[in-house]
């Protein structure tokens, strides 16, 4: 595999993922700051916030279903088809959110329509990372798989930066303007996503690994017959994404709506943490290409479990300097040790014939659990002093993810053609028909 092709694929994955997750994360920011007032004004403030955060979690509920469907398409017909479809669906659904009527003008139909569009966003996201990671891994040189696959997650962080940054001037608007038209602007900007993203992804080639692979008629059936334990391991490990959803959604809502901190500084915490992550993710991925996936991933889990306590505490006392320092350390560095590694770590558990299905189903079930975390911890921590329970919950999730990976095998030195196979298996499965280029 040529390095130039690997770089081209990694760049395409980075740009596409950034555009895709810009759409996904502007919803989370709006749910934390605006939707409780726009779509649930009839509820008391605490309940309205809980309902708004619940709509954020609803998007994750569609992910497991989408993973089964898009996993099948990607392993049967190609990764490229999945990547084009997911980008188009995400862009259209997000633009439509910005066009929705409010509760004041449409009544209960407004939040119902919001939930439907959020489900479509979740369906799109279910195949995005698995498709991009599978393609990047299969194009990458043997000894640099983590480095090249990490660009998908760097793109995700860039999407978060764009999503948060575009809300900075919006959040600074007078309250009346913010609630009437200001919050819609970031959603309308997703029209650019559709045009730019489609141009980029239509130029991506399928990988040689996929073209050589035998293709099962039902890849998901093959997956659960041969890799069920790895799917379960990925599900448990992927719940570590709770750190991300708690940091980006719950902590923001807690700081602004419960503690009364200013919106703009809290948005800047996310921007700066993600800027640091842009450098940390590929650096830590490259480290795992040298020392292994497990040591780096497990270190990240441990650091996140510890740092969540002082971070939420610093918010509870309104110490802006500590909030910035600890937020950057937690999300910019510690969580990057997870984000930089999991694309290769999870992908290397599966053979080419079922890789996209395995990654999509495993991660999206785990991410669905993580997506509900802001709602769960909002119920746990609805008062100023309840941050300890939220931090304890987050640390427990980190421990679960660490155990799942610690009990798995190390794969960083294994050739790509042999990934996901036992030593007694041939490089080509006996299930299905041979795909020719």
Protein backbone atom coordinates (compact mmCIF):
# COMPACT_ATOMS: atom_id res chain seq x y z
CA UNK A 1 0.00 0.00 0.00
CA UNK A 2 1.48 3.37 -1.02
CA UNK A 3 1.88 6.08 1.59
CA UNK A 4 0.46 8.67 -0.83
CA UNK A 5 -2.81 6.75 -1.11
CA UNK A 6 -2.94 6.38 2.67
CA UNK A 7 -2.47 10.14 3.07
CA UNK A 8 -5.17 10.91 0.51
CA UNK A 9 -7.62 8.62 2.26
CA UNK A 10 -6.76 9.96 5.71
CA UNK A 11 -7.25 13.54 4.50
CA UNK A 12 -10.60 12.69 2.94
CA UNK A 13 -11.66 10.95 6.16
CA UNK A 14 -10.52 13.97 8.21
CA UNK A 15 -12.41 16.51 6.12
CA UNK A 16 -15.55 14.41 5.79
CA UNK A 17 -15.60 13.58 9.49
CA UNK A 18 -15.10 17.24 10.42
CA UNK A 19 -18.02 18.29 8.26
CA UNK A 20 -20.21 15.43 9.47
CA UNK A 21 -19.56 15.99 13.16
CA UNK A 22 -19.91 19.75 12.89
CA UNK A 23 -23.56 18.99 12.20
CA UNK A 24 -23.81 16.47 15.02
CA UNK A 25 -22.23 18.66 17.69
CA UNK A 26 -24.05 21.91 16.96
CA UNK A 27 -27.14 20.02 18.02
CA UNK A 28 -25.50 19.15 21.36
CA UNK A 29 -24.54 22.77 21.97
CA UNK A 30 -28.01 24.00 21.11
CA UNK A 31 -29.57 21.33 23.34
CA UNK A 32 -27.47 22.54 26.26
CA UNK A 33 -28.08 26.27 25.76
CA UNK A 34 -31.28 26.93 23.79
CA UNK A 35 -33.66 24.02 23.19
CA UNK A 36 -35.04 23.97 26.73
CA UNK A 37 -36.45 27.46 26.08
CA UNK A 38 -37.38 27.08 22.39
CA UNK A 39 -38.98 23.63 22.32
CA UNK A 40 -39.89 22.97 25.98
CA UNK A 41 -40.87 26.35 27.48
CA UNK A 42 -43.97 24.94 29.18
CA UNK A 43 -41.85 22.86 31.57
CA UNK A 44 -40.07 24.24 34.63
CA UNK A 45 -36.38 25.13 33.95
CA UNK A 46 -34.91 21.90 35.36
CA UNK A 47 -37.38 19.68 33.49
CA UNK A 48 -36.96 21.68 30.29
CA UNK A 49 -33.20 21.19 30.45
CA UNK A 50 -33.66 17.46 31.08
CA UNK A 51 -36.01 17.14 28.09
CA UNK A 52 -33.65 19.08 25.83
CA UNK A 53 -30.73 16.86 26.78
CA UNK A 54 -32.93 13.81 26.23
CA UNK A 55 -33.45 14.83 22.60
CA UNK A 56 -29.66 14.84 22.25
CA UNK A 57 -29.61 11.25 23.54
CA UNK A 58 -32.40 10.21 21.15
CA UNK A 59 -29.99 10.55 18.24
CA UNK A 60 -27.87 7.81 19.77
CA UNK A 61 -30.84 5.45 19.97
CA UNK A 62 -31.01 5.33 16.16
CA UNK A 63 -27.35 4.44 15.90
CA UNK A 64 -27.53 0.68 16.63
CA UNK A 65 -30.23 0.17 13.99
CA UNK A 66 -28.31 2.28 11.51
CA UNK A 67 -25.14 0.31 12.30
CA UNK A 68 -26.78 -2.98 11.27
CA UNK A 69 -28.10 -1.50 8.01
CA UNK A 70 -25.06 0.55 7.02
CA UNK A 71 -22.65 -2.13 8.24
CA UNK A 72 -24.30 -4.59 5.86
CA UNK A 73 -24.10 -2.11 2.97
CA UNK A 74 -20.46 -1.27 3.67
CA UNK A 75 -19.26 -4.88 3.94
CA UNK A 76 -21.38 -6.10 1.03
CA UNK A 77 -21.24 -3.24 -1.48
CA UNK A 78 -18.39 -1.00 -0.40
CA UNK A 79 -17.25 1.61 2.11
CA UNK A 80 -17.61 4.51 -0.35
CA UNK A 81 -21.38 4.12 -0.71
CA UNK A 82 -21.79 4.39 3.05
CA UNK A 83 -19.61 7.49 3.33
CA UNK A 84 -21.51 9.39 0.62
CA UNK A 85 -24.93 8.45 2.04
CA UNK A 86 -24.12 9.37 5.64
CA UNK A 87 -22.82 12.81 4.72
CA UNK A 88 -25.85 13.64 2.58
CA UNK A 89 -28.35 12.50 5.22
CA UNK A 90 -26.62 14.38 8.03
CA UNK A 91 -26.49 17.62 6.08
CA UNK A 92 -30.15 17.55 5.07
CA UNK A 93 -31.41 16.61 8.55
CA UNK A 94 -29.33 19.30 10.24
CA UNK A 95 -30.42 22.05 7.84
CA UNK A 96 -34.04 21.05 8.50
CA UNK A 97 -33.58 21.48 12.28
CA UNK A 98 -32.78 25.13 11.65
CA UNK A 99 -36.08 25.50 9.78
CA UNK A 100 -38.31 24.05 12.50
CA UNK A 101 -41.08 26.12 14.09
CA UNK A 102 -40.83 26.66 17.83
CA UNK A 103 -43.17 25.34 20.50
CA UNK A 104 -44.78 28.76 20.68
CA UNK A 105 -45.89 28.62 17.02
CA UNK A 106 -46.48 24.87 16.43
CA UNK A 107 -47.12 23.43 19.87
CA UNK A 108 -46.17 19.81 20.51
CA UNK A 109 -45.48 19.19 16.81
CA UNK A 110 -42.27 21.23 17.14
CA UNK A 111 -40.48 18.92 19.65
CA UNK A 112 -41.85 15.86 17.82
CA UNK A 113 -40.30 17.04 14.55
CA UNK A 114 -37.08 17.82 16.42
CA UNK A 115 -36.89 14.25 17.69
CA UNK A 116 -37.50 12.81 14.20
CA UNK A 117 -34.69 14.86 12.69
CA UNK A 118 -32.41 13.92 15.56
CA UNK A 119 -33.11 10.25 14.80
CA UNK A 120 -32.03 10.85 11.19
CA UNK A 121 -28.83 12.48 12.45
CA UNK A 122 -28.15 9.42 14.57
CA UNK A 123 -28.79 7.09 11.63
CA UNK A 124 -26.24 9.02 9.59
CA UNK A 125 -23.59 9.06 12.31
CA UNK A 126 -23.93 5.28 12.81
CA UNK A 127 -21.97 4.52 9.65
CA UNK A 128 -19.71 7.55 9.39
CA UNK A 129 -16.76 6.71 11.64
CA UNK A 130 -16.84 2.96 10.99
CA UNK A 131 -16.75 3.55 7.24
CA UNK A 132 -13.99 6.16 7.38
CA UNK A 133 -11.94 4.13 9.88
CA UNK A 134 -12.27 0.91 7.85
CA UNK A 135 -11.13 2.63 4.68
CA UNK A 136 -8.22 4.43 6.38
CA UNK A 137 -7.03 1.28 8.14
CA UNK A 138 -7.10 -0.80 4.97
CA UNK A 139 -5.16 1.84 3.01
CA UNK A 140 -2.57 2.44 5.75
CA UNK A 141 0.98 0.98 5.86
CA UNK A 142 1.24 -1.99 8.25
CA UNK A 143 3.33 -0.19 10.88
CA UNK A 144 1.34 3.10 10.84
CA UNK A 145 -2.28 2.00 11.01
CA UNK A 146 -3.08 3.86 14.23
CA UNK A 147 -1.55 7.08 12.93
CA UNK A 148 -3.53 7.12 9.69
CA UNK A 149 -6.83 5.97 11.20
CA UNK A 150 -6.55 8.61 13.91
CA UNK A 151 -7.25 11.34 11.35
CA UNK A 152 -10.92 10.37 11.36
CA UNK A 153 -11.07 11.30 15.05
CA UNK A 154 -8.98 14.42 14.51
CA UNK A 155 -11.66 15.39 12.02
CA UNK A 156 -14.30 14.77 14.66
CA UNK A 157 -12.48 17.15 17.01
CA UNK A 158 -12.23 19.73 14.23
CA UNK A 159 -15.99 19.40 13.76
CA UNK A 160 -16.45 20.10 17.46
CA UNK A 161 -14.24 23.17 17.18
CA UNK A 162 -16.30 24.50 14.27
CA UNK A 163 -19.56 23.71 16.03
CA UNK A 164 -18.52 25.42 19.25
CA UNK A 165 -16.77 28.33 17.56
CA UNK A 166 -19.78 29.23 15.42
CA UNK A 167 -21.89 29.34 18.59
CA UNK A 168 -19.55 31.89 20.22
CA UNK A 169 -20.94 34.93 18.36
CA UNK A 170 -24.42 33.39 18.38
CA UNK A 171 -24.34 32.86 22.16
CA UNK A 172 -23.26 36.49 22.60
CA UNK A 173 -26.46 37.76 20.97
CA UNK A 174 -29.14 39.35 23.14
CA UNK A 175 -31.40 36.67 24.60
CA UNK A 176 -34.36 37.67 22.42
CA UNK A 177 -32.34 37.44 19.19
CA UNK A 178 -30.70 34.17 20.27
CA UNK A 179 -34.04 32.48 20.89
CA UNK A 180 -35.81 33.88 17.83
CA UNK A 181 -33.32 33.44 14.96
CA UNK A 182 -29.73 33.27 16.23
CA UNK A 183 -29.74 29.58 17.16
CA UNK A 184 -30.84 28.66 13.62
CA UNK A 185 -27.77 30.05 11.84
CA UNK A 186 -25.34 27.19 12.72
CA UNK A 187 -27.88 24.66 11.43
CA UNK A 188 -28.39 26.50 8.15
CA UNK A 189 -24.63 26.50 7.58
CA UNK A 190 -24.85 22.73 7.10
CA UNK A 191 -25.85 23.37 3.48
CA UNK A 192 -22.12 23.84 2.85
CA UNK A 193 -21.54 20.36 4.32
CA UNK A 194 -23.57 18.68 1.61
CA UNK A 195 -21.77 20.36 -1.30
CA UNK A 196 -18.18 20.21 -0.03
CA UNK A 197 -18.47 16.76 1.53
CA UNK A 198 -19.95 15.09 -1.53
CA UNK A 199 -17.24 16.51 -3.80
CA UNK A 200 -14.53 15.13 -1.52
CA UNK A 201 -15.95 11.69 -0.90
CA UNK A 202 -16.91 10.91 -4.47
CA UNK A 203 -13.18 10.91 -5.28
CA UNK A 204 -12.24 8.21 -2.74
CA UNK A 205 -11.27 4.75 -4.08
CA UNK A 206 -12.24 1.47 -2.46
CA UNK A 207 -9.37 -0.33 -0.71
CA UNK A 208 -7.46 -3.23 -2.23
CA UNK A 209 -8.22 -5.26 0.91
CA UNK A 210 -11.96 -4.90 0.33
CA UNK A 211 -11.68 -5.72 -3.38
CA UNK A 212 -9.76 -8.93 -2.58
CA UNK A 213 -12.06 -10.04 0.22
CA UNK A 214 -14.78 -12.65 -0.04
CA UNK A 215 -18.13 -11.02 0.58
CA UNK A 216 -20.78 -12.82 2.61
CA UNK A 217 -24.42 -12.53 1.60
CA UNK A 218 -25.19 -11.57 5.20
CA UNK A 219 -22.04 -10.02 6.72
CA UNK A 220 -23.79 -9.47 10.06
CA UNK A 221 -24.56 -13.19 10.38
CA UNK A 222 -20.91 -14.00 9.70
CA UNK A 223 -19.85 -11.33 12.19
CA UNK A 224 -21.85 -12.78 15.09
CA UNK A 225 -20.80 -16.33 14.27
CA UNK A 226 -17.07 -15.58 14.17
CA UNK A 227 -16.53 -12.35 16.16
CA UNK A 228 -19.32 -12.09 18.75
CA UNK A 229 -16.84 -11.73 21.63
CA UNK A 230 -15.08 -8.84 19.89
CA UNK A 231 -18.38 -7.10 19.21
CA UNK A 232 -19.20 -7.33 22.93
CA UNK A 233 -15.75 -6.04 23.84
CA UNK A 234 -16.16 -3.02 21.55
CA UNK A 235 -19.64 -2.30 22.98
CA UNK A 236 -18.26 -2.16 26.51
CA UNK A 237 -15.16 -0.21 25.53
CA UNK A 238 -17.13 2.33 23.46
CA UNK A 239 -19.13 3.45 26.50
CA UNK A 240 -16.03 5.53 27.27
CA UNK A 241 -17.61 8.07 24.90
CA UNK A 242 -19.65 9.08 27.96
CA UNK A 243 -16.65 11.23 28.87
CA UNK A 244 -17.17 13.19 25.65
CA UNK A 245 -20.94 13.63 25.99
CA UNK A 246 -20.68 14.59 29.66
CA UNK A 247 -17.91 17.09 28.90
CA UNK A 248 -19.51 18.67 25.82
CA UNK A 249 -23.19 18.62 26.83
CA UNK A 250 -23.80 17.98 30.55
CA UNK A 251 -20.89 20.03 31.92
CA UNK A 252 -21.81 22.97 29.66
CA UNK A 253 -25.44 22.86 30.79
CA UNK A 254 -24.41 22.42 34.45
CA UNK A 255 -22.04 25.39 34.28
CA UNK A 256 -24.46 27.77 32.53
CA UNK A 257 -27.89 26.69 33.76
CA UNK A 258 -27.09 25.45 37.31
CA UNK A 259 -24.00 27.35 38.44
CA UNK A 260 -24.68 30.48 36.39
CA UNK A 261 -21.31 30.75 34.65
CA UNK A 262 -21.12 32.80 31.46
CA UNK A 263 -21.84 30.99 28.19
CA UNK A 264 -18.93 32.39 26.19
CA UNK A 265 -16.04 31.29 28.48
CA UNK A 266 -17.52 27.80 28.79
CA UNK A 267 -17.76 27.51 25.01
CA UNK A 268 -14.11 28.56 24.78
CA UNK A 269 -13.12 25.69 27.09
CA UNK A 270 -14.40 23.25 24.46
CA UNK A 271 -12.71 25.10 21.62
CA UNK A 272 -9.28 25.17 23.28
CA UNK A 273 -9.51 21.56 24.47
CA UNK A 274 -10.27 20.43 20.93
CA UNK A 275 -7.44 22.53 19.49
CA UNK A 276 -5.06 20.68 21.80
CA UNK A 277 -6.68 17.39 20.80
CA UNK A 278 -5.92 18.06 17.12
CA UNK A 279 -2.23 17.69 17.94
CA UNK A 280 -2.54 15.12 20.73
CA UNK A 281 -4.62 12.56 18.81
CA UNK A 282 -2.13 11.79 15.99
CA UNK A 283 0.82 12.03 18.39
CA UNK A 284 -0.67 9.47 20.78
CA UNK A 285 -1.74 7.28 17.87
CA UNK A 286 1.83 7.26 16.59
CA UNK A 287 2.98 6.29 20.08
CA UNK A 288 0.64 3.28 19.98
CA UNK A 289 2.19 2.23 16.66
CA UNK A 290 5.43 1.87 18.62
CA UNK A 291 4.39 0.48 22.02
CA UNK A 292 0.95 -1.02 21.38
CA UNK A 293 -2.71 -0.02 21.46
CA UNK A 294 -3.59 -1.23 24.95
CA UNK A 295 -1.07 0.76 27.06
CA UNK A 296 -2.12 4.10 25.54
CA UNK A 297 -5.86 3.39 25.63
CA UNK A 298 -5.76 2.18 29.25
CA UNK A 299 -3.73 5.20 30.35
CA UNK A 300 -6.37 7.43 28.80
CA UNK A 301 -9.17 5.64 30.65
CA UNK A 302 -7.38 6.04 33.97
CA UNK A 303 -6.59 9.71 33.43
CA UNK A 304 -10.19 10.53 32.47
CA UNK A 305 -11.53 8.69 35.55
CA UNK A 306 -9.32 10.82 37.79
CA UNK A 307 -9.59 14.22 36.08
CA UNK A 308 -13.40 14.33 35.85
CA UNK A 309 -13.54 14.95 39.64
CA UNK A 310 -11.48 18.17 39.80
CA UNK A 311 -12.98 19.41 36.52
CA UNK A 312 -16.59 19.29 37.74
CA UNK A 313 -15.50 20.61 41.14
CA UNK A 314 -13.85 23.62 39.49
CA UNK A 315 -17.12 24.36 37.68
CA UNK A 316 -19.10 24.06 40.92
CA UNK A 317 -16.99 26.77 42.58
CA UNK A 318 -16.87 28.98 39.47
CA UNK A 319 -13.06 28.98 39.19
CA UNK A 320 -12.60 29.89 35.51
CA UNK A 321 -8.82 29.41 35.45
CA UNK A 322 -9.13 25.88 36.86
CA UNK A 323 -12.02 25.10 34.52
CA UNK A 324 -9.86 25.99 31.52
CA UNK A 325 -6.74 24.16 32.73
CA UNK A 326 -8.52 21.00 33.82
CA UNK A 327 -10.87 20.97 30.83
CA UNK A 328 -7.95 21.10 28.41
CA UNK A 329 -6.08 18.41 30.35
CA UNK A 330 -9.14 16.14 30.57
CA UNK A 331 -10.55 16.46 27.07
CA UNK A 332 -7.60 17.76 25.10
CA UNK A 333 -5.00 15.30 26.38
CA UNK A 334 -6.42 12.40 28.44
CA UNK A 335 -9.42 11.70 26.21
CA UNK A 336 -7.21 12.02 23.13
CA UNK A 337 -5.35 8.90 24.30
CA UNK A 338 -8.64 7.09 23.73
CA UNK A 339 -9.74 8.89 20.58
CA UNK A 340 -6.37 8.46 18.92
CA UNK A 341 -6.30 4.70 19.51
CA UNK A 342 -9.80 3.27 19.23
CA UNK A 343 -10.14 3.50 15.41
CA UNK A 344 -7.21 1.10 14.96
CA UNK A 345 -7.80 -0.86 18.18
CA UNK A 346 -11.41 -1.73 17.34
CA UNK A 347 -10.84 -2.13 13.60
CA UNK A 348 -7.98 -4.58 14.12
CA UNK A 349 -10.27 -6.93 16.02
CA UNK A 350 -12.17 -7.79 12.81
CA UNK A 351 -11.34 -9.30 9.43
CA UNK A 352 -11.93 -7.27 6.25
CA UNK A 353 -15.15 -9.15 5.39
CA UNK A 354 -16.93 -7.94 8.52
CA UNK A 355 -14.84 -4.97 9.67
CA UNK A 356 -17.31 -2.19 8.95
CA UNK A 357 -20.21 -4.14 10.48
CA UNK A 358 -18.17 -5.05 13.55
CA UNK A 359 -16.95 -1.52 14.18
CA UNK A 360 -20.32 0.08 13.43
CA UNK A 361 -22.45 -2.26 15.55
CA UNK A 362 -20.02 -2.43 18.46
CA UNK A 363 -19.31 1.28 18.65
CA UNK A 364 -22.84 2.47 18.01
CA UNK A 365 -24.38 0.35 20.75
CA UNK A 366 -21.70 1.65 23.11
CA UNK A 367 -22.18 5.21 21.85
CA UNK A 368 -25.95 4.88 22.29
CA UNK A 369 -25.33 4.21 25.97
CA UNK A 370 -22.91 7.14 26.08
CA UNK A 371 -25.42 9.40 24.35
CA UNK A 372 -27.88 8.89 27.17
CA UNK A 373 -25.24 9.78 29.77
CA UNK A 374 -26.06 13.54 29.85
CA UNK A 375 -29.70 12.72 30.61
CA UNK A 376 -28.73 10.17 33.27
CA UNK A 377 -26.29 12.47 35.03
CA UNK A 378 -28.67 15.43 34.72
CA UNK A 379 -31.09 13.39 36.82
CA UNK A 380 -28.26 12.53 39.25
CA UNK A 381 -26.84 16.04 39.46
CA UNK A 382 -29.58 18.64 39.27
CA UNK A 383 -28.15 20.80 42.07
CA UNK A 384 -24.86 22.63 42.62
CA UNK A 385 -23.45 20.06 45.05
CA UNK A 386 -24.35 16.94 43.05
CA UNK A 387 -21.23 16.96 40.86
CA UNK A 388 -19.65 14.16 42.94
CA UNK A 389 -22.29 11.66 41.84
CA UNK A 390 -21.80 12.65 38.21
CA UNK A 391 -18.02 12.30 38.46
CA UNK A 392 -18.36 8.91 40.15
CA UNK A 393 -20.67 7.70 37.38
CA UNK A 394 -18.16 8.85 34.75
CA UNK A 395 -15.25 7.16 36.51
CA UNK A 396 -17.20 3.89 36.69
CA UNK A 397 -17.75 4.00 32.92
CA UNK A 398 -14.01 4.57 32.41
CA UNK A 399 -13.26 1.51 34.56
CA UNK A 400 -15.67 -0.64 32.54
CA UNK A 401 -14.01 0.37 29.27
CA UNK A 402 -10.56 -0.30 30.69
CA UNK A 403 -11.49 -3.82 31.78
CA UNK A 404 -12.97 -4.60 28.35
CA UNK A 405 -9.73 -3.66 26.58
CA UNK A 406 -7.36 -5.07 29.19
CA UNK A 407 -8.85 -8.54 28.65
CA UNK A 408 -8.43 -8.37 24.85
CA UNK A 409 -5.45 -9.14 22.60
CA UNK A 410 -2.77 -6.77 21.34
CA UNK A 411 -2.84 -6.41 17.54
CA UNK A 412 -0.49 -3.58 16.57
CA UNK A 413 2.19 -5.89 15.09
CA UNK A 414 -0.18 -8.18 13.17
CA UNK A 415 -0.30 -7.87 9.33
CA UNK A 416 -3.47 -6.27 7.96
CA UNK A 417 -4.44 -9.36 5.93
CA UNK A 418 -4.37 -11.48 9.12
CA UNK A 419 -6.35 -9.16 11.36
CA UNK A 420 -9.39 -10.72 13.00
CA UNK A 421 -8.35 -14.28 12.17
CA UNK A 422 -7.09 -17.17 14.25
CA UNK A 423 -3.78 -18.75 13.32
CA UNK A 424 -5.64 -21.72 11.82
CA UNK A 425 -7.72 -19.57 9.47
CA UNK A 426 -6.68 -18.77 5.93
CA UNK A 427 -6.54 -15.12 4.85
CA UNK A 428 -9.84 -15.61 3.00
CA UNK A 429 -13.04 -16.72 4.65
CA UNK A 430 -14.94 -19.70 3.32
CA UNK A 431 -18.22 -17.80 3.52
CA UNK A 432 -19.63 -15.94 0.53
CA UNK A 433 -18.35 -15.27 -2.94
CA UNK A 434 -15.08 -13.76 -4.09
CA UNK A 435 -15.22 -10.06 -4.94
CA UNK A 436 -13.16 -9.06 -7.93
CA UNK A 437 -11.87 -5.59 -8.63
